């Protein structure tokens, strides 16, 4: 993977970003596919997608998409959405969507309250419960369902105050028919939902670095900023190839995330054109989403490494 890392650095440091604005989500997807062509790793594609994006929202979409492809590799090149959060949240205990036997197949029923890019997705990755085990813990599975299947209903929700270009929806599952082959192997929480938080942070960070590199080129923000971004890109690229459950990866990601936040806060927004400046000031809060959960994961990681923090 060293060759792709070097190619990524050369791309961020030396290439000219595509100038045309992105009109909508389908246009973003077409550009993301062009930008990521020939790159063998999800994180490499996330960097390229961010560099090609004309705003932070579409960079986030590229990072999110490639995080899913990292988690479930068969999704590469597919439009997908993770469906986990319910009315009571995303904790395993909060999952009430059910997966029940119906002859030689299954039925998926329930509702998800907030699904990113759902209306754009071809594939839905639904976290569902098989019921409680002997220790009263929710037995979760991840189910891959075509968004067009009968019984799948998507209801758009109002856009958030930041990155409003990225749509969200509620998902209602009305006894959706599912085959054995569409239930992914492994535990829905330990093997998918839990590591996704780390995987998503890494790939969103990669896309954000790519987008900041684009700004540095387009607005002539200077070689020092590009050098700092290249240094950070090496860390994020390497971490994305590691085990997302490893405490050392979590600690290093915490450092990289803090460094990225510092670069975003220190960005010379006065050097940007008016429209880009407005969007950057509006969209910066995206880096604070799930901040408490991120801080908790970092604390747990330090504790696992024997360095207790509180």
C-alpha atoms as a PDB file:
ATOM      1  CA  UNK A   1       0.000   0.000   0.000  1.00  0.00           C
ATOM      2  CA  UNK A   2       3.050   2.275   0.206  1.00  0.00           C
ATOM      3  CA  UNK A   3       2.774   3.089  -3.499  1.00  0.00           C
ATOM      4  CA  UNK A   4      -0.822   4.241  -3.117  1.00  0.00           C
ATOM      5  CA  UNK A   5       0.121   6.403  -0.145  1.00  0.00           C
ATOM      6  CA  UNK A   6       2.838   8.118  -2.184  1.00  0.00           C
ATOM      7  CA  UNK A   7       0.462   8.510  -5.123  1.00  0.00           C
ATOM      8  CA  UNK A   8      -2.096  10.059  -2.758  1.00  0.00           C
ATOM      9  CA  UNK A   9       0.462  12.548  -1.477  1.00  0.00           C
ATOM     10  CA  UNK A  10       1.489  13.476  -5.012  1.00  0.00           C
ATOM     11  CA  UNK A  11      -2.169  13.946  -5.911  1.00  0.00           C
ATOM     12  CA  UNK A  12      -2.858  16.242  -2.949  1.00  0.00           C
ATOM     13  CA  UNK A  13       0.339  18.232  -3.376  1.00  0.00           C
ATOM     14  CA  UNK A  14       0.719  18.518  -7.130  1.00  0.00           C
ATOM     15  CA  UNK A  15      -2.532  18.024  -9.018  1.00  0.00           C
ATOM     16  CA  UNK A  16      -5.023  20.701 -10.030  1.00  0.00           C
ATOM     17  CA  UNK A  17      -8.509  20.163  -8.550  1.00  0.00           C
ATOM     18  CA  UNK A  18     -11.516  19.903 -10.835  1.00  0.00           C
ATOM     19  CA  UNK A  19     -13.012  23.384 -10.910  1.00  0.00           C
ATOM     20  CA  UNK A  20     -16.658  22.864 -11.884  1.00  0.00           C
ATOM     21  CA  UNK A  21     -19.182  23.187  -9.035  1.00  0.00           C
ATOM     22  CA  UNK A  22     -21.179  20.145  -7.907  1.00  0.00           C
ATOM     23  CA  UNK A  23     -24.894  20.686  -8.438  1.00  0.00           C
ATOM     24  CA  UNK A  24     -26.421  17.898  -6.347  1.00  0.00           C
ATOM     25  CA  UNK A  25     -25.872  14.460  -4.798  1.00  0.00           C
ATOM     26  CA  UNK A  26     -25.964  12.536  -8.113  1.00  0.00           C
ATOM     27  CA  UNK A  27     -23.349  14.949  -9.502  1.00  0.00           C
ATOM     28  CA  UNK A  28     -21.204  14.408  -6.408  1.00  0.00           C
ATOM     29  CA  UNK A  29     -21.454  10.629  -6.856  1.00  0.00           C
ATOM     30  CA  UNK A  30     -20.379  10.828 -10.507  1.00  0.00           C
ATOM     31  CA  UNK A  31     -17.375  12.966  -9.569  1.00  0.00           C
ATOM     32  CA  UNK A  32     -16.479  10.734  -6.637  1.00  0.00           C
ATOM     33  CA  UNK A  33     -16.418   7.719  -8.932  1.00  0.00           C
ATOM     34  CA  UNK A  34     -14.195   9.509 -11.446  1.00  0.00           C
ATOM     35  CA  UNK A  35     -11.839  10.756  -8.747  1.00  0.00           C
ATOM     36  CA  UNK A  36     -11.498   7.376  -7.028  1.00  0.00           C
ATOM     37  CA  UNK A  37     -10.978   5.318 -10.179  1.00  0.00           C
ATOM     38  CA  UNK A  38      -7.884   3.138 -10.009  1.00  0.00           C
ATOM     39  CA  UNK A  39      -7.352   3.517  -6.258  1.00  0.00           C
ATOM     40  CA  UNK A  40      -7.236   0.204  -4.431  1.00  0.00           C
ATOM     41  CA  UNK A  41      -8.023   1.257  -0.848  1.00  0.00           C
ATOM     42  CA  UNK A  42     -11.117   2.915   0.596  1.00  0.00           C
ATOM     43  CA  UNK A  43      -8.980   5.502   2.375  1.00  0.00           C
ATOM     44  CA  UNK A  44      -7.181   6.352  -0.870  1.00  0.00           C
ATOM     45  CA  UNK A  45     -10.562   6.851  -2.515  1.00  0.00           C
ATOM     46  CA  UNK A  46     -11.694   9.013   0.420  1.00  0.00           C
ATOM     47  CA  UNK A  47      -8.693  11.339  -0.016  1.00  0.00           C
ATOM     48  CA  UNK A  48      -9.398  11.576  -3.750  1.00  0.00           C
ATOM     49  CA  UNK A  49     -13.112  12.194  -3.217  1.00  0.00           C
ATOM     50  CA  UNK A  50     -12.418  14.978  -0.744  1.00  0.00           C
ATOM     51  CA  UNK A  51      -9.926  16.619  -3.107  1.00  0.00           C
ATOM     52  CA  UNK A  52     -12.547  16.525  -5.864  1.00  0.00           C
ATOM     53  CA  UNK A  53     -15.355  17.932  -3.690  1.00  0.00           C
ATOM     54  CA  UNK A  54     -16.308  21.594  -4.034  1.00  0.00           C
ATOM     55  CA  UNK A  55     -17.536  21.829  -0.424  1.00  0.00           C
ATOM     56  CA  UNK A  56     -17.125  20.112   2.913  1.00  0.00           C
ATOM     57  CA  UNK A  57     -20.531  18.388   2.714  1.00  0.00           C
ATOM     58  CA  UNK A  58     -19.618  16.416  -0.380  1.00  0.00           C
ATOM     59  CA  UNK A  59     -16.196  15.619   1.066  1.00  0.00           C
ATOM     60  CA  UNK A  60     -17.994  14.182   4.099  1.00  0.00           C
ATOM     61  CA  UNK A  61     -20.181  12.108   1.768  1.00  0.00           C
ATOM     62  CA  UNK A  62     -17.072  10.667   0.113  1.00  0.00           C
ATOM     63  CA  UNK A  63     -15.542   9.769   3.471  1.00  0.00           C
ATOM     64  CA  UNK A  64     -18.764   8.179   4.706  1.00  0.00           C
ATOM     65  CA  UNK A  65     -19.183   6.158   1.516  1.00  0.00           C
ATOM     66  CA  UNK A  66     -15.646   4.795   1.634  1.00  0.00           C
ATOM     67  CA  UNK A  67     -15.950   4.028   5.353  1.00  0.00           C
ATOM     68  CA  UNK A  68     -18.842   1.718   4.487  1.00  0.00           C
ATOM     69  CA  UNK A  69     -16.770   0.113   1.721  1.00  0.00           C
ATOM     70  CA  UNK A  70     -13.980  -0.453   4.232  1.00  0.00           C
ATOM     71  CA  UNK A  71     -16.424  -2.083   6.655  1.00  0.00           C
ATOM     72  CA  UNK A  72     -18.181  -4.167   3.966  1.00  0.00           C
ATOM     73  CA  UNK A  73     -15.802  -4.463   0.978  1.00  0.00           C
ATOM     74  CA  UNK A  74     -18.447  -5.742  -1.471  1.00  0.00           C
ATOM     75  CA  UNK A  75     -19.997  -2.262  -1.295  1.00  0.00           C
ATOM     76  CA  UNK A  76     -17.135  -0.691  -3.248  1.00  0.00           C
ATOM     77  CA  UNK A  77     -18.668   1.321  -6.056  1.00  0.00           C
ATOM     78  CA  UNK A  78     -22.172   1.034  -4.601  1.00  0.00           C
ATOM     79  CA  UNK A  79     -24.287   3.770  -3.064  1.00  0.00           C
ATOM     80  CA  UNK A  80     -24.980   2.587   0.490  1.00  0.00           C
ATOM     81  CA  UNK A  81     -26.273   3.816   3.843  1.00  0.00           C
ATOM     82  CA  UNK A  82     -25.874   2.474   7.375  1.00  0.00           C
ATOM     83  CA  UNK A  83     -29.198   2.273   9.222  1.00  0.00           C
ATOM     84  CA  UNK A  84     -28.615   2.022  12.967  1.00  0.00           C
ATOM     85  CA  UNK A  85     -29.978   4.954  15.001  1.00  0.00           C
ATOM     86  CA  UNK A  86     -33.511   4.529  16.363  1.00  0.00           C
ATOM     87  CA  UNK A  87     -35.802   6.675  18.473  1.00  0.00           C
ATOM     88  CA  UNK A  88     -33.872   5.775  21.646  1.00  0.00           C
ATOM     89  CA  UNK A  89     -30.431   6.123  20.036  1.00  0.00           C
ATOM     90  CA  UNK A  90     -27.779   3.862  18.554  1.00  0.00           C
ATOM     91  CA  UNK A  91     -26.722   1.842  21.597  1.00  0.00           C
ATOM     92  CA  UNK A  92     -27.227  -1.944  21.236  1.00  0.00           C
ATOM     93  CA  UNK A  93     -29.973  -1.817  23.871  1.00  0.00           C
ATOM     94  CA  UNK A  94     -31.823   0.790  21.798  1.00  0.00           C
ATOM     95  CA  UNK A  95     -32.161  -1.391  18.692  1.00  0.00           C
ATOM     96  CA  UNK A  96     -35.774  -2.547  18.392  1.00  0.00           C
ATOM     97  CA  UNK A  97     -35.838  -3.336  14.669  1.00  0.00           C
ATOM     98  CA  UNK A  98     -36.473  -7.093  14.477  1.00  0.00           C
ATOM     99  CA  UNK A  99     -35.270  -9.887  12.234  1.00  0.00           C
ATOM    100  CA  UNK A 100     -37.582 -12.885  12.510  1.00  0.00           C
ATOM    101  CA  UNK A 101     -37.876 -16.224  10.725  1.00  0.00           C
ATOM    102  CA  UNK A 102     -40.593 -16.651   8.112  1.00  0.00           C
ATOM    103  CA  UNK A 103     -40.298 -20.153   6.673  1.00  0.00           C
ATOM    104  CA  UNK A 104     -36.990 -20.430   4.842  1.00  0.00           C
ATOM    105  CA  UNK A 105     -36.544 -16.650   4.803  1.00  0.00           C
ATOM    106  CA  UNK A 106     -36.687 -13.708   7.247  1.00  0.00           C
ATOM    107  CA  UNK A 107     -38.776 -10.612   7.872  1.00  0.00           C
ATOM    108  CA  UNK A 108     -37.243  -7.260   8.800  1.00  0.00           C
ATOM    109  CA  UNK A 109     -39.519  -4.841  10.686  1.00  0.00           C
ATOM    110  CA  UNK A 110     -38.930  -1.593  12.519  1.00  0.00           C
ATOM    111  CA  UNK A 111     -37.863   2.015  12.020  1.00  0.00           C
ATOM    112  CA  UNK A 112     -34.642   4.041  11.913  1.00  0.00           C
ATOM    113  CA  UNK A 113     -34.818   7.696  12.794  1.00  0.00           C
ATOM    114  CA  UNK A 114     -31.811   9.209  11.020  1.00  0.00           C
ATOM    115  CA  UNK A 115     -30.072   7.620   8.012  1.00  0.00           C
ATOM    116  CA  UNK A 116     -27.369   9.510   6.132  1.00  0.00           C
ATOM    117  CA  UNK A 117     -27.691   9.498   2.304  1.00  0.00           C
ATOM    118  CA  UNK A 118     -30.611   7.077   2.575  1.00  0.00           C
ATOM    119  CA  UNK A 119     -32.604   8.469  -0.339  1.00  0.00           C
ATOM    120  CA  UNK A 120     -29.501   8.233  -2.517  1.00  0.00           C
ATOM    121  CA  UNK A 121     -28.622   4.660  -1.528  1.00  0.00           C
ATOM    122  CA  UNK A 122     -28.937   1.500  -3.578  1.00  0.00           C
ATOM    123  CA  UNK A 123     -28.093  -0.664  -0.573  1.00  0.00           C
ATOM    124  CA  UNK A 124     -29.215  -0.305   3.044  1.00  0.00           C
ATOM    125  CA  UNK A 125     -27.175  -1.843   5.865  1.00  0.00           C
ATOM    126  CA  UNK A 126     -29.717  -2.373   8.621  1.00  0.00           C
ATOM    127  CA  UNK A 127     -28.798  -3.219  12.209  1.00  0.00           C
ATOM    128  CA  UNK A 128     -31.518  -5.542  13.554  1.00  0.00           C
ATOM    129  CA  UNK A 129     -32.174  -7.715  16.584  1.00  0.00           C
ATOM    130  CA  UNK A 130     -32.723 -11.465  16.769  1.00  0.00           C
ATOM    131  CA  UNK A 131     -33.919 -11.035  20.358  1.00  0.00           C
ATOM    132  CA  UNK A 132     -32.133 -11.267  23.709  1.00  0.00           C
ATOM    133  CA  UNK A 133     -29.545 -13.894  24.639  1.00  0.00           C
ATOM    134  CA  UNK A 134     -29.330 -15.788  27.950  1.00  0.00           C
ATOM    135  CA  UNK A 135     -27.647 -12.760  29.531  1.00  0.00           C
ATOM    136  CA  UNK A 136     -30.418 -10.366  28.388  1.00  0.00           C
ATOM    137  CA  UNK A 137     -28.158  -8.799  25.742  1.00  0.00           C
ATOM    138  CA  UNK A 138     -29.492  -7.811  22.366  1.00  0.00           C
ATOM    139  CA  UNK A 139     -28.334 -10.212  19.633  1.00  0.00           C
ATOM    140  CA  UNK A 140     -27.679  -7.972  16.652  1.00  0.00           C
ATOM    141  CA  UNK A 141     -27.065  -8.707  12.980  1.00  0.00           C
ATOM    142  CA  UNK A 142     -26.303  -6.513   9.990  1.00  0.00           C
ATOM    143  CA  UNK A 143     -28.639  -7.033   7.052  1.00  0.00           C
ATOM    144  CA  UNK A 144     -27.922  -5.873   3.501  1.00  0.00           C
ATOM    145  CA  UNK A 145     -31.175  -4.905   1.777  1.00  0.00           C
ATOM    146  CA  UNK A 146     -31.788  -3.234  -1.612  1.00  0.00           C
ATOM    147  CA  UNK A 147     -33.421   0.144  -1.051  1.00  0.00           C
ATOM    148  CA  UNK A 148     -35.958  -0.677  -3.768  1.00  0.00           C
ATOM    149  CA  UNK A 149     -37.334  -3.791  -2.037  1.00  0.00           C
ATOM    150  CA  UNK A 150     -41.028  -3.981  -1.240  1.00  0.00           C
ATOM    151  CA  UNK A 151     -41.760  -2.831   2.302  1.00  0.00           C
ATOM    152  CA  UNK A 152     -38.878  -0.315   2.452  1.00  0.00           C
ATOM    153  CA  UNK A 153     -40.132   3.231   3.021  1.00  0.00           C
ATOM    154  CA  UNK A 154     -37.942   6.330   3.229  1.00  0.00           C
ATOM    155  CA  UNK A 155     -39.214   9.649   4.590  1.00  0.00           C
ATOM    156  CA  UNK A 156     -37.031  12.728   4.113  1.00  0.00           C
ATOM    157  CA  UNK A 157     -36.188  14.798   7.196  1.00  0.00           C
ATOM    158  CA  UNK A 158     -35.286  18.518   7.227  1.00  0.00           C
ATOM    159  CA  UNK A 159     -31.616  19.195   6.415  1.00  0.00           C
ATOM    160  CA  UNK A 160     -29.283  19.929   9.339  1.00  0.00           C
ATOM    161  CA  UNK A 161     -27.902  23.393   9.959  1.00  0.00           C
ATOM    162  CA  UNK A 162     -24.487  22.313   8.647  1.00  0.00           C
ATOM    163  CA  UNK A 163     -23.557  20.306   5.517  1.00  0.00           C
ATOM    164  CA  UNK A 164     -27.209  20.542   4.380  1.00  0.00           C
ATOM    165  CA  UNK A 165     -26.265  19.153   0.947  1.00  0.00           C
ATOM    166  CA  UNK A 166     -26.008  15.676   2.514  1.00  0.00           C
ATOM    167  CA  UNK A 167     -29.598  14.384   2.808  1.00  0.00           C
ATOM    168  CA  UNK A 168     -30.990  12.290   5.659  1.00  0.00           C
ATOM    169  CA  UNK A 169     -34.162  10.290   6.014  1.00  0.00           C
ATOM    170  CA  UNK A 170     -36.238   8.168   8.332  1.00  0.00           C
ATOM    171  CA  UNK A 171     -36.492   4.518   7.374  1.00  0.00           C
ATOM    172  CA  UNK A 172     -39.565   2.353   7.946  1.00  0.00           C
ATOM    173  CA  UNK A 173     -39.322  -1.406   7.372  1.00  0.00           C
ATOM    174  CA  UNK A 174     -42.646  -3.113   6.880  1.00  0.00           C
ATOM    175  CA  UNK A 175     -42.011  -6.865   7.162  1.00  0.00           C
ATOM    176  CA  UNK A 176     -39.326  -6.679   4.470  1.00  0.00           C
ATOM    177  CA  UNK A 177     -38.424 -10.095   3.075  1.00  0.00           C
ATOM    178  CA  UNK A 178     -34.761 -11.043   3.599  1.00  0.00           C
ATOM    179  CA  UNK A 179     -32.755 -14.094   2.527  1.00  0.00           C
ATOM    180  CA  UNK A 180     -30.061 -15.897   4.530  1.00  0.00           C
ATOM    181  CA  UNK A 181     -27.429 -14.571   2.099  1.00  0.00           C
ATOM    182  CA  UNK A 182     -28.379 -10.978   2.950  1.00  0.00           C
ATOM    183  CA  UNK A 183     -27.558 -11.405   6.650  1.00  0.00           C
ATOM    184  CA  UNK A 184     -23.862 -10.593   6.993  1.00  0.00           C
ATOM    185  CA  UNK A 185     -21.654 -12.962   8.945  1.00  0.00           C
ATOM    186  CA  UNK A 186     -20.624 -11.890  12.435  1.00  0.00           C
ATOM    187  CA  UNK A 187     -22.071  -9.881  15.284  1.00  0.00           C
ATOM    188  CA  UNK A 188     -23.954  -6.746  14.237  1.00  0.00           C
ATOM    189  CA  UNK A 189     -22.442  -4.667  17.015  1.00  0.00           C
ATOM    190  CA  UNK A 190     -18.946  -6.036  17.654  1.00  0.00           C
ATOM    191  CA  UNK A 191     -18.079  -6.647  13.999  1.00  0.00           C
ATOM    192  CA  UNK A 192     -19.856  -3.726  12.338  1.00  0.00           C
ATOM    193  CA  UNK A 193     -21.524  -0.973  14.353  1.00  0.00           C
ATOM    194  CA  UNK A 194     -18.830  -0.561  17.005  1.00  0.00           C
ATOM    195  CA  UNK A 195     -15.812  -0.445  14.639  1.00  0.00           C
ATOM    196  CA  UNK A 196     -17.681   1.763  12.191  1.00  0.00           C
ATOM    197  CA  UNK A 197     -17.379   4.766  14.506  1.00  0.00           C
ATOM    198  CA  UNK A 198     -13.580   4.569  14.213  1.00  0.00           C
ATOM    199  CA  UNK A 199     -13.603   3.633  10.528  1.00  0.00           C
ATOM    200  CA  UNK A 200     -15.904   6.549   9.734  1.00  0.00           C
ATOM    201  CA  UNK A 201     -13.741   9.057  11.637  1.00  0.00           C
ATOM    202  CA  UNK A 202     -10.648   7.913   9.711  1.00  0.00           C
ATOM    203  CA  UNK A 203     -12.251   8.092   6.279  1.00  0.00           C
ATOM    204  CA  UNK A 204     -14.044  11.372   6.950  1.00  0.00           C
ATOM    205  CA  UNK A 205     -10.728  12.790   8.182  1.00  0.00           C
ATOM    206  CA  UNK A 206      -9.080  11.611   4.942  1.00  0.00           C
ATOM    207  CA  UNK A 207     -11.745  13.281   2.827  1.00  0.00           C
ATOM    208  CA  UNK A 208     -11.529  16.488   4.884  1.00  0.00           C
ATOM    209  CA  UNK A 209      -7.753  16.572   4.410  1.00  0.00           C
ATOM    210  CA  UNK A 210      -8.307  16.151   0.681  1.00  0.00           C
ATOM    211  CA  UNK A 211     -10.801  19.015   0.686  1.00  0.00           C
ATOM    212  CA  UNK A 212      -8.467  21.315   2.644  1.00  0.00           C
ATOM    213  CA  UNK A 213      -5.698  20.502   0.154  1.00  0.00           C
ATOM    214  CA  UNK A 214      -8.078  21.529  -2.622  1.00  0.00           C
ATOM    215  CA  UNK A 215      -8.699  24.852  -0.867  1.00  0.00           C
ATOM    216  CA  UNK A 216      -4.963  25.369  -0.461  1.00  0.00           C
ATOM    217  CA  UNK A 217      -4.494  25.004  -4.230  1.00  0.00           C
ATOM    218  CA  UNK A 218      -7.542  26.956  -5.397  1.00  0.00           C
ATOM    219  CA  UNK A 219      -7.079  29.872  -2.990  1.00  0.00           C
ATOM    220  CA  UNK A 220      -3.270  29.830  -2.852  1.00  0.00           C
ATOM    221  CA  UNK A 221      -3.128  29.313   0.906  1.00  0.00           C
ATOM    222  CA  UNK A 222       0.561  28.452   0.795  1.00  0.00           C
ATOM    223  CA  UNK A 223       2.959  25.532   0.747  1.00  0.00           C
ATOM    224  CA  UNK A 224       3.252  25.302   4.568  1.00  0.00           C
ATOM    225  CA  UNK A 225      -0.428  24.337   4.865  1.00  0.00           C
ATOM    226  CA  UNK A 226      -0.039  21.708   2.143  1.00  0.00           C
ATOM    227  CA  UNK A 227       2.980  20.319   3.957  1.00  0.00           C
ATOM    228  CA  UNK A 228       1.043  20.041   7.207  1.00  0.00           C
ATOM    229  CA  UNK A 229      -1.819  18.338   5.393  1.00  0.00           C
ATOM    230  CA  UNK A 230       0.559  15.879   3.744  1.00  0.00           C
ATOM    231  CA  UNK A 231       2.077  14.994   7.118  1.00  0.00           C
ATOM    232  CA  UNK A 232      -1.381  14.415   8.583  1.00  0.00           C
ATOM    233  CA  UNK A 233      -2.418  12.397   5.515  1.00  0.00           C
ATOM    234  CA  UNK A 234       0.390   9.906   6.160  1.00  0.00           C
ATOM    235  CA  UNK A 235      -0.927   9.266   9.664  1.00  0.00           C
ATOM    236  CA  UNK A 236      -4.561   8.909   8.637  1.00  0.00           C
ATOM    237  CA  UNK A 237      -3.752   6.677   5.656  1.00  0.00           C
ATOM    238  CA  UNK A 238      -1.664   4.351   7.818  1.00  0.00           C
ATOM    239  CA  UNK A 239      -4.215   4.201  10.632  1.00  0.00           C
ATOM    240  CA  UNK A 240      -7.036   3.382   8.195  1.00  0.00           C
ATOM    241  CA  UNK A 241      -5.165   0.193   7.249  1.00  0.00           C
ATOM    242  CA  UNK A 242      -4.952  -0.894  10.894  1.00  0.00           C
ATOM    243  CA  UNK A 243      -7.343  -2.740  13.191  1.00  0.00           C
ATOM    244  CA  UNK A 244     -10.099  -0.284  14.200  1.00  0.00           C
ATOM    245  CA  UNK A 245     -10.532  -2.115  17.505  1.00  0.00           C
ATOM    246  CA  UNK A 246      -6.894  -1.610  18.551  1.00  0.00           C
ATOM    247  CA  UNK A 247      -6.480   0.843  21.428  1.00  0.00           C
ATOM    248  CA  UNK A 248      -3.296   2.231  19.891  1.00  0.00           C
ATOM    249  CA  UNK A 249      -5.190   3.071  16.710  1.00  0.00           C
ATOM    250  CA  UNK A 250      -7.821   4.920  18.776  1.00  0.00           C
ATOM    251  CA  UNK A 251      -5.195   6.966  20.596  1.00  0.00           C
ATOM    252  CA  UNK A 252      -3.362   7.881  17.399  1.00  0.00           C
ATOM    253  CA  UNK A 253      -6.678   8.760  15.753  1.00  0.00           C
ATOM    254  CA  UNK A 254      -7.443  11.053  18.680  1.00  0.00           C
ATOM    255  CA  UNK A 255      -4.217  12.908  18.020  1.00  0.00           C
ATOM    256  CA  UNK A 256      -4.858  13.093  14.283  1.00  0.00           C
ATOM    257  CA  UNK A 257      -8.423  14.320  14.816  1.00  0.00           C
ATOM    258  CA  UNK A 258      -7.208  17.063  17.156  1.00  0.00           C
ATOM    259  CA  UNK A 259      -4.572  18.070  14.614  1.00  0.00           C
ATOM    260  CA  UNK A 260      -7.174  18.203  11.848  1.00  0.00           C
ATOM    261  CA  UNK A 261      -9.440  20.325  14.040  1.00  0.00           C
ATOM    262  CA  UNK A 262      -6.581  22.744  14.627  1.00  0.00           C
ATOM    263  CA  UNK A 263      -5.959  23.107  10.894  1.00  0.00           C
ATOM    264  CA  UNK A 264      -9.656  23.715  10.257  1.00  0.00           C
ATOM    265  CA  UNK A 265      -9.862  26.337  13.012  1.00  0.00           C
ATOM    266  CA  UNK A 266      -6.661  27.987  11.816  1.00  0.00           C
ATOM    267  CA  UNK A 267      -7.753  28.188   8.189  1.00  0.00           C
ATOM    268  CA  UNK A 268      -7.474  31.676   6.700  1.00  0.00           C
ATOM    269  CA  UNK A 269     -11.128  31.990   5.725  1.00  0.00           C
ATOM    270  CA  UNK A 270     -10.611  35.597   4.617  1.00  0.00           C
ATOM    271  CA  UNK A 271      -8.575  34.256   1.697  1.00  0.00           C
ATOM    272  CA  UNK A 272     -11.526  32.187   0.432  1.00  0.00           C
ATOM    273  CA  UNK A 273     -14.163  33.363  -2.007  1.00  0.00           C
ATOM    274  CA  UNK A 274     -17.372  34.555  -0.399  1.00  0.00           C
ATOM    275  CA  UNK A 275     -19.453  31.430  -1.068  1.00  0.00           C
ATOM    276  CA  UNK A 276     -16.736  29.049   0.161  1.00  0.00           C
ATOM    277  CA  UNK A 277     -16.163  31.201   3.235  1.00  0.00           C
ATOM    278  CA  UNK A 278     -19.858  31.101   4.148  1.00  0.00           C
ATOM    279  CA  UNK A 279     -20.015  27.336   3.724  1.00  0.00           C
ATOM    280  CA  UNK A 280     -16.868  26.714   5.754  1.00  0.00           C
ATOM    281  CA  UNK A 281     -18.104  28.835   8.646  1.00  0.00           C
ATOM    282  CA  UNK A 282     -21.481  27.089   8.496  1.00  0.00           C
ATOM    283  CA  UNK A 283     -20.090  23.554   8.173  1.00  0.00           C
ATOM    284  CA  UNK A 284     -17.281  23.508  10.745  1.00  0.00           C
ATOM    285  CA  UNK A 285     -19.596  22.000  13.415  1.00  0.00           C
ATOM    286  CA  UNK A 286     -19.592  18.706  11.474  1.00  0.00           C
ATOM    287  CA  UNK A 287     -16.252  17.963  13.157  1.00  0.00           C
ATOM    288  CA  UNK A 288     -17.925  18.200  16.574  1.00  0.00           C
ATOM    289  CA  UNK A 289     -20.640  15.625  15.839  1.00  0.00           C
ATOM    290  CA  UNK A 290     -20.367  12.659  18.252  1.00  0.00           C
ATOM    291  CA  UNK A 291     -17.640  14.515  20.124  1.00  0.00           C
ATOM    292  CA  UNK A 292     -18.618  13.081  23.505  1.00  0.00           C
ATOM    293  CA  UNK A 293     -18.625   9.516  22.191  1.00  0.00           C
ATOM    294  CA  UNK A 294     -15.266  10.125  20.517  1.00  0.00           C
ATOM    295  CA  UNK A 295     -13.792  11.445  23.765  1.00  0.00           C
ATOM    296  CA  UNK A 296     -15.142   8.435  25.643  1.00  0.00           C
ATOM    297  CA  UNK A 297     -13.590   6.015  23.132  1.00  0.00           C
ATOM    298  CA  UNK A 298     -10.274   7.804  23.512  1.00  0.00           C
ATOM    299  CA  UNK A 299     -10.446   7.569  27.300  1.00  0.00           C
ATOM    300  CA  UNK A 300     -11.215   3.841  27.110  1.00  0.00           C
ATOM    301  CA  UNK A 301      -8.325   3.330  24.689  1.00  0.00           C
ATOM    302  CA  UNK A 302      -5.865   5.067  27.033  1.00  0.00           C
ATOM    303  CA  UNK A 303      -7.121   2.937  29.918  1.00  0.00           C
ATOM    304  CA  UNK A 304      -6.648  -0.247  27.893  1.00  0.00           C
ATOM    305  CA  UNK A 305      -3.063   0.786  27.266  1.00  0.00           C
ATOM    306  CA  UNK A 306      -2.536   1.224  31.017  1.00  0.00           C
ATOM    307  CA  UNK A 307      -2.602   4.997  31.054  1.00  0.00           C
ATOM    308  CA  UNK A 308      -5.617   5.905  33.155  1.00  0.00           C
ATOM    309  CA  UNK A 309      -7.275   9.219  32.478  1.00  0.00           C
ATOM    310  CA  UNK A 310     -10.298  10.772  34.055  1.00  0.00           C
END
